[in-house]
Amino acid sequence: MGTRLEGKVAVVTGGGRGIGRGIAKLLSEEGASILVNDKGTEVDGTGASAMPADAVVDEIKSSGGNATANYADISTMEGGESLVQSCIDTYGHIDILVNSAGSLKDRMIYQMTESDFDQVVRNNAKGVFTTTKFAGILFRQQRSGRIVNMVADAGLGDVGRSNYAAATEGIIGLTRTTAKDLGKYGVTANAISPMAETRLFPGAVDQHRLPDVPGPSRDERAGIGPSPEIPAWSGEGSPDGPENIAPLAVYLCTNAAPNINGYVLGVRGGSLYVYSNPDIENVVNKWGNFTMEEMDVLFPKMMGYGF
């Protein structure tokens, strides 16, 4: 058992399975008390079950940790507020918020229904907003707090996931804005784009995206490039295990990372990444409005030769 988070209290949404489960368990191993939130839904966000959250709480307790289950629907304002209130009622305070809950409902853009789109955006992006709003009120008052949000690289372009892309890019923007809103109060907010085998992505990592679709790979879209080959995997599990995300997430929750704020980071197997923030690639200036004739000449130059 570690002591990096001794006396701290953490809320982990989506903590009953996959990446959230691994994070909740490691937070506990480092000394934190955990409120494990999981509605127990199916991959598409439907249904409910207390079993996932209860199972993780039992695991933590059997290892000597302190944990409580919570089943609130954080896609609603009432659910987000009740989750934070439950943490205060149970443990007296809150220090860490990890948002790992999410759902997936793939459709091509021309097949996507309003319900498909709204459901994923509500479950994923709004679920981060509700918990962050109410935890942020307390973090601001106590002048401290750590927020870690799970995202994905779907917003870089992914077949059949316009709803998921909109949600995850929304969470990234929300993370960066939260970092600015709360940074001056000693609170940090960061996002992690994990590549791991979970219920949402049940195949091997390289199978999580459609391999036969023409165009750049997900690593090329993300600007990661080929990862250096790891001769042999050390430790338990596999390179694609969801537990591999936990060390980075937990590190961001400690006092060792007070100046890491507003970043998007990545984890894949034995590799860690820091994604760059969007930047202006090129610019053309004119005092006044551009004419269409000028656009014909200048825009191709601005985009680069061969455009």
C-alpha atoms as a PDB file:
ATOM      1  CA  MET A   1       0.000   0.000   0.000  1.00  0.00           C
ATOM      2  CA  GLY A   2       1.280   3.456  -0.937  1.00  0.00           C
ATOM      3  CA  THR A   3       0.807   6.713   0.925  1.00  0.00           C
ATOM      4  CA  ARG A   4       0.773   9.321  -1.860  1.00  0.00           C
ATOM      5  CA  LEU A   5      -2.962   9.934  -1.323  1.00  0.00           C
ATOM      6  CA  GLU A   6      -3.265   9.155   2.379  1.00  0.00           C
ATOM      7  CA  GLY A   7      -6.326  10.926   3.795  1.00  0.00           C
ATOM      8  CA  LYS A   8      -7.657  11.946   0.375  1.00  0.00           C
ATOM      9  CA  VAL A   9     -11.131  11.180  -0.948  1.00  0.00           C
ATOM     10  CA  ALA A  10     -11.733  10.331  -4.611  1.00  0.00           C
ATOM     11  CA  VAL A  11     -14.871   9.976  -6.706  1.00  0.00           C
ATOM     12  CA  VAL A  12     -14.516   7.728  -9.758  1.00  0.00           C
ATOM     13  CA  THR A  13     -17.395   7.642 -12.233  1.00  0.00           C
ATOM     14  CA  GLY A  14     -17.615   4.557 -14.404  1.00  0.00           C
ATOM     15  CA  GLY A  15     -15.569   2.925 -11.665  1.00  0.00           C
ATOM     16  CA  GLY A  16     -17.251  -0.454 -11.868  1.00  0.00           C
ATOM     17  CA  ARG A  17     -15.507  -1.731 -14.976  1.00  0.00           C
ATOM     18  CA  GLY A  18     -12.499  -1.369 -17.243  1.00  0.00           C
ATOM     19  CA  ILE A  19     -10.351   1.741 -16.958  1.00  0.00           C
ATOM     20  CA  GLY A  20     -12.394   3.255 -14.124  1.00  0.00           C
ATOM     21  CA  ARG A  21     -12.078   0.075 -12.091  1.00  0.00           C
ATOM     22  CA  GLY A  22      -8.290   0.059 -12.470  1.00  0.00           C
ATOM     23  CA  ILE A  23      -8.049   3.703 -11.450  1.00  0.00           C
ATOM     24  CA  ALA A  24     -10.307   3.245  -8.414  1.00  0.00           C
ATOM     25  CA  LYS A  25      -8.250   0.312  -7.171  1.00  0.00           C
ATOM     26  CA  LEU A  26      -4.900   2.086  -7.589  1.00  0.00           C
ATOM     27  CA  LEU A  27      -6.216   5.237  -5.924  1.00  0.00           C
ATOM     28  CA  SER A  28      -7.169   3.046  -2.980  1.00  0.00           C
ATOM     29  CA  GLU A  29      -3.761   1.378  -2.947  1.00  0.00           C
ATOM     30  CA  GLU A  30      -2.244   4.853  -2.616  1.00  0.00           C
ATOM     31  CA  GLY A  31      -4.350   5.562   0.478  1.00  0.00           C
ATOM     32  CA  ALA A  32      -7.456   7.332  -0.848  1.00  0.00           C
ATOM     33  CA  SER A  33     -11.015   6.547   0.186  1.00  0.00           C
ATOM     34  CA  ILE A  34     -13.102   5.875  -2.929  1.00  0.00           C
ATOM     35  CA  LEU A  35     -16.680   6.562  -3.916  1.00  0.00           C
ATOM     36  CA  VAL A  36     -17.219   4.179  -6.834  1.00  0.00           C
ATOM     37  CA  ASN A  37     -19.959   5.503  -9.099  1.00  0.00           C
ATOM     38  CA  ASP A  38     -21.371   3.217 -11.777  1.00  0.00           C
ATOM     39  CA  LYS A  39     -24.946   3.017 -12.993  1.00  0.00           C
ATOM     40  CA  GLY A  40     -24.169  -0.417 -14.414  1.00  0.00           C
ATOM     41  CA  THR A  41     -25.444   0.233 -17.934  1.00  0.00           C
ATOM     42  CA  GLU A  42     -24.808  -1.647 -21.152  1.00  0.00           C
ATOM     43  CA  VAL A  43     -22.293  -0.293 -23.680  1.00  0.00           C
ATOM     44  CA  ASP A  44     -25.015   1.798 -25.358  1.00  0.00           C
ATOM     45  CA  GLY A  45     -26.005   3.407 -22.045  1.00  0.00           C
ATOM     46  CA  THR A  46     -29.200   1.446 -21.475  1.00  0.00           C
ATOM     47  CA  GLY A  47     -30.138  -0.618 -18.439  1.00  0.00           C
ATOM     48  CA  ALA A  48     -28.837  -0.451 -14.877  1.00  0.00           C
ATOM     49  CA  SER A  49     -27.193  -2.749 -12.357  1.00  0.00           C
ATOM     50  CA  ALA A  50     -25.615  -2.308  -8.935  1.00  0.00           C
ATOM     51  CA  MET A  51     -23.288  -5.254  -9.490  1.00  0.00           C
ATOM     52  CA  PRO A  52     -20.290  -3.494 -11.157  1.00  0.00           C
ATOM     53  CA  ALA A  53     -19.898  -0.820  -8.464  1.00  0.00           C
ATOM     54  CA  ASP A  54     -20.550  -3.298  -5.660  1.00  0.00           C
ATOM     55  CA  ALA A  55     -17.950  -5.726  -7.017  1.00  0.00           C
ATOM     56  CA  VAL A  56     -15.196  -3.080  -7.104  1.00  0.00           C
ATOM     57  CA  VAL A  57     -16.079  -1.889  -3.605  1.00  0.00           C
ATOM     58  CA  ASP A  58     -15.770  -5.473  -2.387  1.00  0.00           C
ATOM     59  CA  GLU A  59     -12.377  -5.814  -4.100  1.00  0.00           C
ATOM     60  CA  ILE A  60     -11.087  -2.628  -2.497  1.00  0.00           C
ATOM     61  CA  LYS A  61     -12.366  -3.560   0.947  1.00  0.00           C
ATOM     62  CA  SER A  62     -10.914  -7.071   0.715  1.00  0.00           C
ATOM     63  CA  SER A  63      -7.516  -5.448   0.082  1.00  0.00           C
ATOM     64  CA  GLY A  64      -7.836  -3.286   3.189  1.00  0.00           C
ATOM     65  CA  GLY A  65      -9.098  -0.145   1.466  1.00  0.00           C
ATOM     66  CA  ASN A  66     -12.087   2.084   2.111  1.00  0.00           C
ATOM     67  CA  ALA A  67     -14.781   2.339  -0.566  1.00  0.00           C
ATOM     68  CA  THR A  68     -18.492   2.973  -1.026  1.00  0.00           C
ATOM     69  CA  ALA A  69     -20.726   2.257  -4.023  1.00  0.00           C
ATOM     70  CA  ASN A  70     -22.893   4.853  -5.751  1.00  0.00           C
ATOM     71  CA  TYR A  71     -25.333   4.316  -8.623  1.00  0.00           C
ATOM     72  CA  ALA A  72     -26.390   7.892  -9.498  1.00  0.00           C
ATOM     73  CA  ASP A  73     -27.154   8.799 -13.110  1.00  0.00           C
ATOM     74  CA  ILE A  74     -24.599  11.544 -13.653  1.00  0.00           C
ATOM     75  CA  SER A  75     -26.019  12.463 -17.064  1.00  0.00           C
ATOM     76  CA  THR A  76     -28.546  14.572 -15.119  1.00  0.00           C
ATOM     77  CA  MET A  77     -27.870  17.625 -12.987  1.00  0.00           C
ATOM     78  CA  GLU A  78     -29.627  15.951 -10.065  1.00  0.00           C
ATOM     79  CA  GLY A  79     -27.407  12.886 -10.423  1.00  0.00           C
ATOM     80  CA  GLY A  80     -24.187  14.885 -10.552  1.00  0.00           C
ATOM     81  CA  GLU A  81     -25.147  16.908  -7.485  1.00  0.00           C
ATOM     82  CA  SER A  82     -26.289  13.856  -5.534  1.00  0.00           C
ATOM     83  CA  LEU A  83     -23.012  12.072  -6.307  1.00  0.00           C
ATOM     84  CA  VAL A  84     -20.909  14.879  -4.865  1.00  0.00           C
ATOM     85  CA  GLN A  85     -23.290  15.265  -1.919  1.00  0.00           C
ATOM     86  CA  SER A  86     -23.053  11.538  -1.240  1.00  0.00           C
ATOM     87  CA  CYS A  87     -19.260  11.853  -1.116  1.00  0.00           C
ATOM     88  CA  ILE A  88     -19.515  14.680   1.425  1.00  0.00           C
ATOM     89  CA  ASP A  89     -22.087  12.805   3.490  1.00  0.00           C
ATOM     90  CA  THR A  90     -19.930   9.660   3.528  1.00  0.00           C
ATOM     91  CA  TYR A  91     -16.400  10.999   3.870  1.00  0.00           C
ATOM     92  CA  GLY A  92     -16.778  14.670   4.827  1.00  0.00           C
ATOM     93  CA  HIS A  93     -14.883  16.104   1.856  1.00  0.00           C
ATOM     94  CA  ILE A  94     -13.774  15.486  -1.741  1.00  0.00           C
ATOM     95  CA  ASP A  95     -10.271  15.910  -3.163  1.00  0.00           C
ATOM     96  CA  ILE A  96     -10.258  14.036  -6.475  1.00  0.00           C
ATOM     97  CA  LEU A  97     -12.723  13.572  -9.322  1.00  0.00           C
ATOM     98  CA  VAL A  98     -12.053  11.032 -12.067  1.00  0.00           C
ATOM     99  CA  ASN A  99     -14.631  10.964 -14.870  1.00  0.00           C
ATOM    100  CA  SER A 100     -14.464   7.611 -16.643  1.00  0.00           C
ATOM    101  CA  ALA A 101     -18.121   6.878 -17.415  1.00  0.00           C
ATOM    102  CA  GLY A 102     -19.178   6.651 -21.040  1.00  0.00           C
ATOM    103  CA  SER A 103     -21.282   4.930 -23.666  1.00  0.00           C
ATOM    104  CA  LEU A 104     -20.977   4.124 -27.345  1.00  0.00           C
ATOM    105  CA  LYS A 105     -23.611   3.862 -30.068  1.00  0.00           C
ATOM    106  CA  ASP A 106     -22.019   3.687 -33.502  1.00  0.00           C
ATOM    107  CA  ARG A 107     -23.851   4.800 -36.636  1.00  0.00           C
ATOM    108  CA  MET A 108     -22.672   6.249 -39.929  1.00  0.00           C
ATOM    109  CA  ILE A 109     -23.475   9.968 -40.078  1.00  0.00           C
ATOM    110  CA  TYR A 110     -26.274   9.403 -42.598  1.00  0.00           C
ATOM    111  CA  GLN A 111     -27.817   6.774 -40.285  1.00  0.00           C
ATOM    112  CA  MET A 112     -27.327   8.602 -36.975  1.00  0.00           C
ATOM    113  CA  THR A 113     -30.632   9.445 -35.308  1.00  0.00           C
ATOM    114  CA  GLU A 114     -31.239  12.363 -33.002  1.00  0.00           C
ATOM    115  CA  SER A 115     -31.657   9.903 -30.144  1.00  0.00           C
ATOM    116  CA  ASP A 116     -28.362   8.145 -30.962  1.00  0.00           C
ATOM    117  CA  PHE A 117     -26.525  11.461 -30.956  1.00  0.00           C
ATOM    118  CA  ASP A 118     -28.171  12.981 -27.890  1.00  0.00           C
ATOM    119  CA  GLN A 119     -27.794   9.838 -25.794  1.00  0.00           C
ATOM    120  CA  VAL A 120     -24.030   9.516 -26.236  1.00  0.00           C
ATOM    121  CA  VAL A 121     -23.363  13.242 -25.832  1.00  0.00           C
ATOM    122  CA  ARG A 122     -25.525  13.313 -22.684  1.00  0.00           C
ATOM    123  CA  ASN A 123     -23.996  10.204 -21.140  1.00  0.00           C
ATOM    124  CA  ASN A 124     -20.409  11.160 -21.925  1.00  0.00           C
ATOM    125  CA  ALA A 125     -19.999  14.937 -22.126  1.00  0.00           C
ATOM    126  CA  LYS A 126     -22.826  16.099 -19.875  1.00  0.00           C
ATOM    127  CA  GLY A 127     -21.833  13.418 -17.369  1.00  0.00           C
ATOM    128  CA  VAL A 128     -18.472  15.164 -17.036  1.00  0.00           C
ATOM    129  CA  PHE A 129     -20.076  18.607 -16.756  1.00  0.00           C
ATOM    130  CA  THR A 130     -22.476  17.706 -13.961  1.00  0.00           C
ATOM    131  CA  THR A 131     -19.883  16.159 -11.692  1.00  0.00           C
ATOM    132  CA  THR A 132     -17.276  18.838 -12.447  1.00  0.00           C
ATOM    133  CA  LYS A 133     -19.693  21.679 -11.708  1.00  0.00           C
ATOM    134  CA  PHE A 134     -20.621  20.479  -8.243  1.00  0.00           C
ATOM    135  CA  ALA A 135     -17.169  19.185  -7.304  1.00  0.00           C
ATOM    136  CA  GLY A 136     -15.700  22.432  -8.646  1.00  0.00           C
ATOM    137  CA  ILE A 137     -17.762  24.487  -6.205  1.00  0.00           C
ATOM    138  CA  LEU A 138     -16.130  22.664  -3.298  1.00  0.00           C
ATOM    139  CA  PHE A 139     -12.671  22.589  -4.888  1.00  0.00           C
ATOM    140  CA  ARG A 140     -12.825  26.385  -5.273  1.00  0.00           C
ATOM    141  CA  GLN A 141     -13.842  26.842  -1.651  1.00  0.00           C
ATOM    142  CA  GLN A 142     -11.084  24.600  -0.300  1.00  0.00           C
ATOM    143  CA  ARG A 143      -8.469  25.909  -2.769  1.00  0.00           C
ATOM    144  CA  SER A 144      -7.457  22.452  -3.935  1.00  0.00           C
ATOM    145  CA  GLY A 145      -8.632  19.573  -6.104  1.00  0.00           C
ATOM    146  CA  ARG A 146      -7.708  17.219  -8.922  1.00  0.00           C
ATOM    147  CA  ILE A 147      -9.873  16.426 -11.959  1.00  0.00           C
ATOM    148  CA  VAL A 148      -8.974  13.751 -14.520  1.00  0.00           C
ATOM    149  CA  ASN A 149     -11.266  13.082 -17.494  1.00  0.00           C
ATOM    150  CA  MET A 150     -11.105  10.091 -19.833  1.00  0.00           C
ATOM    151  CA  VAL A 151     -11.425  11.064 -23.501  1.00  0.00           C
ATOM    152  CA  ALA A 152     -10.541   9.476 -26.872  1.00  0.00           C
ATOM    153  CA  ASP A 153      -9.027  10.398 -30.218  1.00  0.00           C
ATOM    154  CA  ALA A 154     -12.353   9.926 -32.049  1.00  0.00           C
ATOM    155  CA  GLY A 155     -12.538  13.670 -32.644  1.00  0.00           C
ATOM    156  CA  LEU A 156      -9.511  13.401 -34.918  1.00  0.00           C
ATOM    157  CA  GLY A 157     -11.776  11.538 -37.318  1.00  0.00           C
ATOM    158  CA  ASP A 158     -13.332   8.125 -36.829  1.00  0.00           C
ATOM    159  CA  VAL A 159     -15.750   6.152 -38.979  1.00  0.00           C
ATOM    160  CA  GLY A 160     -19.289   5.879 -37.614  1.00  0.00           C
ATOM    161  CA  ARG A 161     -18.707   7.835 -34.413  1.00  0.00           C
ATOM    162  CA  SER A 162     -19.912  11.385 -34.967  1.00  0.00           C
ATOM    163  CA  ASN A 163     -21.761  11.292 -31.641  1.00  0.00           C
ATOM    164  CA  TYR A 164     -18.770   9.891 -29.750  1.00  0.00           C
ATOM    165  CA  ALA A 165     -16.420  12.333 -31.495  1.00  0.00           C
ATOM    166  CA  ALA A 166     -18.623  15.281 -30.555  1.00  0.00           C
ATOM    167  CA  ALA A 167     -18.784  14.098 -26.958  1.00  0.00           C
ATOM    168  CA  THR A 168     -15.066  13.451 -26.514  1.00  0.00           C
ATOM    169  CA  GLU A 169     -13.998  16.716 -28.168  1.00  0.00           C
ATOM    170  CA  GLY A 170     -16.520  18.464 -25.946  1.00  0.00           C
ATOM    171  CA  ILE A 171     -14.897  16.886 -22.893  1.00  0.00           C
ATOM    172  CA  ILE A 172     -11.464  18.025 -24.077  1.00  0.00           C
ATOM    173  CA  GLY A 173     -12.711  21.602 -24.428  1.00  0.00           C
ATOM    174  CA  LEU A 174     -14.454  21.344 -21.068  1.00  0.00           C
ATOM    175  CA  THR A 175     -11.226  20.096 -19.485  1.00  0.00           C
ATOM    176  CA  ARG A 176      -9.176  22.989 -20.845  1.00  0.00           C
ATOM    177  CA  THR A 177     -11.785  25.523 -19.770  1.00  0.00           C
ATOM    178  CA  THR A 178     -12.118  23.981 -16.306  1.00  0.00           C
ATOM    179  CA  ALA A 179      -8.337  24.237 -15.979  1.00  0.00           C
ATOM    180  CA  LYS A 180      -8.564  27.975 -16.620  1.00  0.00           C
ATOM    181  CA  ASP A 181     -11.643  28.504 -14.450  1.00  0.00           C
ATOM    182  CA  LEU A 182     -10.218  26.698 -11.414  1.00  0.00           C
ATOM    183  CA  GLY A 183      -6.453  26.820 -11.886  1.00  0.00           C
ATOM    184  CA  LYS A 184      -6.035  29.964  -9.796  1.00  0.00           C
ATOM    185  CA  TYR A 185      -7.672  28.154  -6.883  1.00  0.00           C
ATOM    186  CA  GLY A 186      -5.080  25.370  -6.822  1.00  0.00           C
ATOM    187  CA  VAL A 187      -7.210  22.952  -8.859  1.00  0.00           C
ATOM    188  CA  THR A 188      -5.934  21.047 -11.888  1.00  0.00           C
ATOM    189  CA  ALA A 189      -7.963  19.479 -14.692  1.00  0.00           C
ATOM    190  CA  ASN A 190      -6.424  17.165 -17.278  1.00  0.00           C
ATOM    191  CA  ALA A 191      -7.619  14.590 -19.800  1.00  0.00           C
ATOM    192  CA  ILE A 192      -6.277  11.183 -20.768  1.00  0.00           C
ATOM    193  CA  SER A 193      -6.865   9.567 -24.155  1.00  0.00           C
ATOM    194  CA  PRO A 194      -6.368   5.865 -23.398  1.00  0.00           C
ATOM    195  CA  MET A 195      -5.827   3.057 -25.865  1.00  0.00           C
ATOM    196  CA  ALA A 196      -6.835  -0.124 -24.089  1.00  0.00           C
ATOM    197  CA  GLU A 197      -9.060  -3.164 -24.349  1.00  0.00           C
ATOM    198  CA  THR A 198     -12.420  -2.425 -22.704  1.00  0.00           C
ATOM    199  CA  ARG A 199     -16.116  -3.159 -23.184  1.00  0.00           C
ATOM    200  CA  LEU A 200     -16.335  -0.156 -25.523  1.00  0.00           C
ATOM    201  CA  PHE A 201     -13.328  -1.411 -27.510  1.00  0.00           C
ATOM    202  CA  PRO A 202     -13.270  -5.183 -26.947  1.00  0.00           C
ATOM    203  CA  GLY A 203     -10.649  -6.190 -29.516  1.00  0.00           C
ATOM    204  CA  ALA A 204      -6.895  -5.810 -29.461  1.00  0.00           C
ATOM    205  CA  VAL A 205      -5.761  -2.190 -29.614  1.00  0.00           C
ATOM    206  CA  ASP A 206      -4.989  -2.301 -33.339  1.00  0.00           C
ATOM    207  CA  GLN A 207      -8.507  -3.622 -33.960  1.00  0.00           C
ATOM    208  CA  HIS A 208     -10.294  -0.825 -32.143  1.00  0.00           C
ATOM    209  CA  ARG A 209     -10.635   1.095 -35.405  1.00  0.00           C
ATOM    210  CA  LEU A 210     -11.647  -0.297 -38.755  1.00  0.00           C
ATOM    211  CA  PRO A 211      -8.338  -1.437 -40.311  1.00  0.00           C
ATOM    212  CA  ASP A 212      -9.622  -1.755 -43.877  1.00  0.00           C
ATOM    213  CA  VAL A 213     -10.910   1.807 -44.152  1.00  0.00           C
ATOM    214  CA  PRO A 214      -8.644   3.831 -46.489  1.00  0.00           C
ATOM    215  CA  GLY A 215      -6.733   6.715 -44.961  1.00  0.00           C
ATOM    216  CA  PRO A 216      -4.303   7.332 -42.125  1.00  0.00           C
ATOM    217  CA  SER A 217      -4.205   5.079 -39.091  1.00  0.00           C
ATOM    218  CA  ARG A 218      -5.361   6.360 -35.701  1.00  0.00           C
ATOM    219  CA  ASP A 219      -1.723   6.848 -34.659  1.00  0.00           C
ATOM    220  CA  GLU A 220      -1.044   8.877 -37.804  1.00  0.00           C
ATOM    221  CA  ARG A 221      -4.165  10.976 -37.188  1.00  0.00           C
ATOM    222  CA  ALA A 222      -3.062  11.597 -33.625  1.00  0.00           C
ATOM    223  CA  GLY A 223       0.460  12.495 -34.744  1.00  0.00           C
ATOM    224  CA  ILE A 224       1.914   9.795 -32.529  1.00  0.00           C
ATOM    225  CA  GLY A 225       3.850   7.930 -35.189  1.00  0.00           C
ATOM    226  CA  PRO A 226       5.055   4.392 -34.679  1.00  0.00           C
ATOM    227  CA  SER A 227       5.697   3.448 -31.071  1.00  0.00           C
ATOM    228  CA  PRO A 228       9.124   1.973 -30.285  1.00  0.00           C
ATOM    229  CA  GLU A 229       8.927  -1.766 -30.093  1.00  0.00           C
ATOM    230  CA  ILE A 230       8.843  -3.169 -26.564  1.00  0.00           C
ATOM    231  CA  PRO A 231      10.707  -6.506 -26.618  1.00  0.00           C
ATOM    232  CA  ALA A 232       8.813  -8.033 -23.702  1.00  0.00           C
ATOM    233  CA  TRP A 233       5.931  -6.892 -21.516  1.00  0.00           C
ATOM    234  CA  SER A 234       6.850  -6.819 -17.830  1.00  0.00           C
ATOM    235  CA  GLY A 235       4.484  -7.152 -14.916  1.00  0.00           C
ATOM    236  CA  GLU A 236       0.936  -8.429 -14.775  1.00  0.00           C
ATOM    237  CA  GLY A 237      -1.659  -8.182 -17.503  1.00  0.00           C
ATOM    238  CA  SER A 238      -0.975  -7.302 -21.129  1.00  0.00           C
ATOM    239  CA  PRO A 239      -0.050  -4.180 -23.149  1.00  0.00           C
ATOM    240  CA  ASP A 240      -3.756  -3.708 -23.919  1.00  0.00           C
ATOM    241  CA  GLY A 241      -4.981  -4.060 -20.325  1.00  0.00           C
ATOM    242  CA  PRO A 242      -7.236  -1.255 -18.992  1.00  0.00           C
ATOM    243  CA  GLU A 243      -5.255  -1.280 -15.735  1.00  0.00           C
ATOM    244  CA  ASN A 244      -2.322   0.279 -17.636  1.00  0.00           C
ATOM    245  CA  ILE A 245      -4.104   3.647 -17.640  1.00  0.00           C
ATOM    246  CA  ALA A 246      -4.258   3.870 -13.851  1.00  0.00           C
ATOM    247  CA  PRO A 247      -0.654   4.927 -13.019  1.00  0.00           C
ATOM    248  CA  LEU A 248      -0.855   8.086 -15.145  1.00  0.00           C
ATOM    249  CA  ALA A 249      -4.353   8.944 -13.911  1.00  0.00           C
ATOM    250  CA  VAL A 250      -3.378   8.462 -10.276  1.00  0.00           C
ATOM    251  CA  TYR A 251      -0.145  10.418 -10.701  1.00  0.00           C
ATOM    252  CA  LEU A 252      -2.175  13.390 -11.958  1.00  0.00           C
ATOM    253  CA  CYS A 253      -4.237  13.156  -8.752  1.00  0.00           C
ATOM    254  CA  THR A 254      -1.234  13.530  -6.458  1.00  0.00           C
ATOM    255  CA  ASN A 255       0.636  16.599  -5.232  1.00  0.00           C
ATOM    256  CA  ALA A 256       3.514  15.635  -7.545  1.00  0.00           C
ATOM    257  CA  ALA A 257       1.744  17.284 -10.493  1.00  0.00           C
ATOM    258  CA  PRO A 258       0.633  20.761  -9.298  1.00  0.00           C
ATOM    259  CA  ASN A 259       1.574  22.520 -12.554  1.00  0.00           C
ATOM    260  CA  ILE A 260       0.181  19.985 -15.025  1.00  0.00           C
ATOM    261  CA  ASN A 261      -3.090  21.683 -15.883  1.00  0.00           C
ATOM    262  CA  GLY A 262      -5.202  21.728 -19.032  1.00  0.00           C
ATOM    263  CA  TYR A 263      -3.299  18.989 -20.851  1.00  0.00           C
ATOM    264  CA  VAL A 264      -4.417  16.016 -22.924  1.00  0.00           C
ATOM    265  CA  LEU A 265      -2.176  13.011 -22.349  1.00  0.00           C
ATOM    266  CA  GLY A 266      -2.217   9.515 -23.788  1.00  0.00           C
ATOM    267  CA  VAL A 267      -1.390   5.976 -22.725  1.00  0.00           C
ATOM    268  CA  ARG A 268      -0.795   2.986 -24.948  1.00  0.00           C
ATOM    269  CA  GLY A 269       0.822  -0.116 -23.526  1.00  0.00           C
ATOM    270  CA  GLY A 270       4.277   0.891 -22.351  1.00  0.00           C
ATOM    271  CA  SER A 271       4.138   4.387 -23.867  1.00  0.00           C
ATOM    272  CA  LEU A 272       2.990   7.747 -22.524  1.00  0.00           C
ATOM    273  CA  TYR A 273       2.119  10.736 -24.730  1.00  0.00           C
ATOM    274  CA  VAL A 274       1.518  14.458 -24.355  1.00  0.00           C
ATOM    275  CA  TYR A 275      -0.749  15.872 -27.053  1.00  0.00           C
ATOM    276  CA  SER A 276      -0.067  19.403 -28.266  1.00  0.00           C
ATOM    277  CA  ASN A 277      -2.774  22.028 -27.990  1.00  0.00           C
ATOM    278  CA  PRO A 278      -4.219  23.277 -31.310  1.00  0.00           C
ATOM    279  CA  ASP A 279      -2.152  26.026 -32.888  1.00  0.00           C
ATOM    280  CA  ILE A 280      -2.379  28.257 -35.964  1.00  0.00           C
ATOM    281  CA  GLU A 281      -0.405  26.573 -38.705  1.00  0.00           C
ATOM    282  CA  ASN A 282      -0.212  29.443 -41.190  1.00  0.00           C
ATOM    283  CA  VAL A 283      -1.628  32.926 -41.705  1.00  0.00           C
ATOM    284  CA  VAL A 284      -2.158  35.466 -44.471  1.00  0.00           C
ATOM    285  CA  ASN A 285      -2.880  39.079 -43.484  1.00  0.00           C
ATOM    286  CA  LYS A 286      -4.574  41.920 -45.336  1.00  0.00           C
ATOM    287  CA  TRP A 287      -5.878  45.279 -44.220  1.00  0.00           C
ATOM    288  CA  GLY A 288      -9.482  44.803 -45.334  1.00  0.00           C
ATOM    289  CA  ASN A 289     -11.691  42.055 -46.673  1.00  0.00           C
ATOM    290  CA  PHE A 290     -10.386  39.489 -49.130  1.00  0.00           C
ATOM    291  CA  THR A 291     -11.819  39.367 -52.626  1.00  0.00           C
ATOM    292  CA  MET A 292     -12.659  36.069 -54.295  1.00  0.00           C
ATOM    293  CA  GLU A 293      -9.857  36.704 -56.793  1.00  0.00           C
ATOM    294  CA  GLU A 294      -7.386  37.091 -53.942  1.00  0.00           C
ATOM    295  CA  MET A 295      -8.717  33.924 -52.358  1.00  0.00           C
ATOM    296  CA  ASP A 296      -7.970  32.054 -55.592  1.00  0.00           C
ATOM    297  CA  VAL A 297      -4.321  33.092 -55.288  1.00  0.00           C
ATOM    298  CA  LEU A 298      -3.670  33.280 -51.553  1.00  0.00           C
ATOM    299  CA  PHE A 299      -5.614  30.385 -50.076  1.00  0.00           C
ATOM    300  CA  PRO A 300      -3.663  27.633 -51.919  1.00  0.00           C
ATOM    301  CA  LYS A 301      -0.436  29.281 -50.781  1.00  0.00           C
ATOM    302  CA  MET A 302      -1.640  29.436 -47.206  1.00  0.00           C
ATOM    303  CA  MET A 303      -2.519  25.735 -47.291  1.00  0.00           C
ATOM    304  CA  GLY A 304       0.812  24.847 -48.876  1.00  0.00           C
ATOM    305  CA  TYR A 305       1.862  23.940 -52.364  1.00  0.00           C
ATOM    306  CA  GLY A 306       0.125  20.921 -53.794  1.00  0.00           C
ATOM    307  CA  PHE A 307      -3.185  21.845 -52.173  1.00  0.00           C
END
